[in-house]
Amino acid sequence: MNKSFDCVQLKWEIQQKLAKEFAGVPPEEAQRILNERVANNPIFGALLKQARRTPVPYKPQF
């Protein structure tokens, strides 16, 4: 099988890019910036808003 898209490779590349971009930034600040970017993204922001409005039933599995 010929793979043209590798999710693991893509994730690694994104992590490397973010590590370079946020080098020297405290982790809490980096997370705040990333959260803000997601919220302001036209696609992911809308998805996040919908996810926050949708109640999720929770049943503990004890």
C-alpha atoms as a PDB file:
ATOM      1  CA  MET A   1       0.000   0.000   0.000  1.00  0.00           C
ATOM      2  CA  ASN A   2       1.302   3.415  -0.957  1.00  0.00           C
ATOM      3  CA  LYS A   3       0.704   6.045   1.761  1.00  0.00           C
ATOM      4  CA  SER A   4       0.587   9.629   0.611  1.00  0.00           C
ATOM      5  CA  PHE A   5      -0.373  11.098   3.991  1.00  0.00           C
ATOM      6  CA  ASP A   6       1.293  10.211   7.279  1.00  0.00           C
ATOM      7  CA  CYS A   7      -0.497  11.546  10.379  1.00  0.00           C
ATOM      8  CA  VAL A   8       2.392  10.664  12.681  1.00  0.00           C
ATOM      9  CA  GLN A   9       4.867  12.536  10.480  1.00  0.00           C
ATOM     10  CA  LEU A  10       2.538  15.544  10.256  1.00  0.00           C
ATOM     11  CA  LYS A  11       2.116  15.630  14.049  1.00  0.00           C
ATOM     12  CA  TRP A  12       5.890  15.478  14.527  1.00  0.00           C
ATOM     13  CA  GLU A  13       6.423  18.332  12.053  1.00  0.00           C
ATOM     14  CA  ILE A  14       3.816  20.487  13.788  1.00  0.00           C
ATOM     15  CA  GLN A  15       5.365  19.790  17.198  1.00  0.00           C
ATOM     16  CA  GLN A  16       8.815  20.761  15.889  1.00  0.00           C
ATOM     17  CA  LYS A  17       7.472  24.000  14.413  1.00  0.00           C
ATOM     18  CA  LEU A  18       5.691  24.902  17.656  1.00  0.00           C
ATOM     19  CA  ALA A  19       8.770  24.062  19.738  1.00  0.00           C
ATOM     20  CA  LYS A  20      10.819  26.507  17.655  1.00  0.00           C
ATOM     21  CA  GLU A  21       8.125  29.175  17.671  1.00  0.00           C
ATOM     22  CA  PHE A  22       7.629  29.040  21.438  1.00  0.00           C
ATOM     23  CA  ALA A  23      11.233  28.496  22.490  1.00  0.00           C
ATOM     24  CA  GLY A  24      11.789  30.468  25.688  1.00  0.00           C
ATOM     25  CA  VAL A  25       8.072  31.152  26.243  1.00  0.00           C
ATOM     26  CA  PRO A  26       6.669  29.841  29.529  1.00  0.00           C
ATOM     27  CA  PRO A  27       4.403  26.803  28.922  1.00  0.00           C
ATOM     28  CA  GLU A  28       1.318  28.529  30.376  1.00  0.00           C
ATOM     29  CA  GLU A  29       1.763  31.506  28.048  1.00  0.00           C
ATOM     30  CA  ALA A  30       2.360  29.265  25.032  1.00  0.00           C
ATOM     31  CA  GLN A  31      -0.844  27.338  25.809  1.00  0.00           C
ATOM     32  CA  ARG A  32      -2.785  30.586  26.211  1.00  0.00           C
ATOM     33  CA  ILE A  33      -1.579  31.783  22.801  1.00  0.00           C
ATOM     34  CA  LEU A  34      -2.445  28.457  21.151  1.00  0.00           C
ATOM     35  CA  ASN A  35      -5.914  28.459  22.744  1.00  0.00           C
ATOM     36  CA  GLU A  36      -6.493  31.982  21.458  1.00  0.00           C
ATOM     37  CA  ARG A  37      -5.409  30.971  17.953  1.00  0.00           C
ATOM     38  CA  VAL A  38      -7.812  28.036  17.921  1.00  0.00           C
ATOM     39  CA  ALA A  39     -10.684  30.186  19.212  1.00  0.00           C
ATOM     40  CA  ASN A  40     -10.026  32.814  16.514  1.00  0.00           C
ATOM     41  CA  ASN A  41      -9.624  30.312  13.669  1.00  0.00           C
ATOM     42  CA  PRO A  42     -12.667  30.414  11.350  1.00  0.00           C
ATOM     43  CA  ILE A  43     -12.918  26.616  11.177  1.00  0.00           C
ATOM     44  CA  PHE A  44     -11.600  25.385  14.509  1.00  0.00           C
ATOM     45  CA  GLY A  45     -13.124  28.281  16.449  1.00  0.00           C
ATOM     46  CA  ALA A  46     -16.618  27.443  15.209  1.00  0.00           C
ATOM     47  CA  LEU A  47     -16.057  23.769  15.997  1.00  0.00           C
ATOM     48  CA  LEU A  48     -14.824  24.631  19.499  1.00  0.00           C
ATOM     49  CA  LYS A  49     -17.863  26.847  20.166  1.00  0.00           C
ATOM     50  CA  GLN A  50     -20.205  24.069  19.061  1.00  0.00           C
ATOM     51  CA  ALA A  51     -18.374  21.503  21.186  1.00  0.00           C
ATOM     52  CA  ARG A  52     -18.644  23.731  24.243  1.00  0.00           C
ATOM     53  CA  ARG A  53     -22.408  24.168  23.701  1.00  0.00           C
ATOM     54  CA  THR A  54     -23.086  20.462  23.263  1.00  0.00           C
ATOM     55  CA  PRO A  55     -23.761  18.668  26.553  1.00  0.00           C
ATOM     56  CA  VAL A  56     -21.914  15.414  26.900  1.00  0.00           C
ATOM     57  CA  PRO A  57     -23.471  12.768  29.109  1.00  0.00           C
ATOM     58  CA  TYR A  58     -20.992  11.488  31.634  1.00  0.00           C
ATOM     59  CA  LYS A  59     -21.246   8.092  33.222  1.00  0.00           C
ATOM     60  CA  PRO A  60     -18.380   7.086  35.475  1.00  0.00           C
ATOM     61  CA  GLN A  61     -17.154   3.587  34.697  1.00  0.00           C
ATOM     62  CA  PHE A  62     -16.482   2.251  38.189  1.00  0.00           C
END
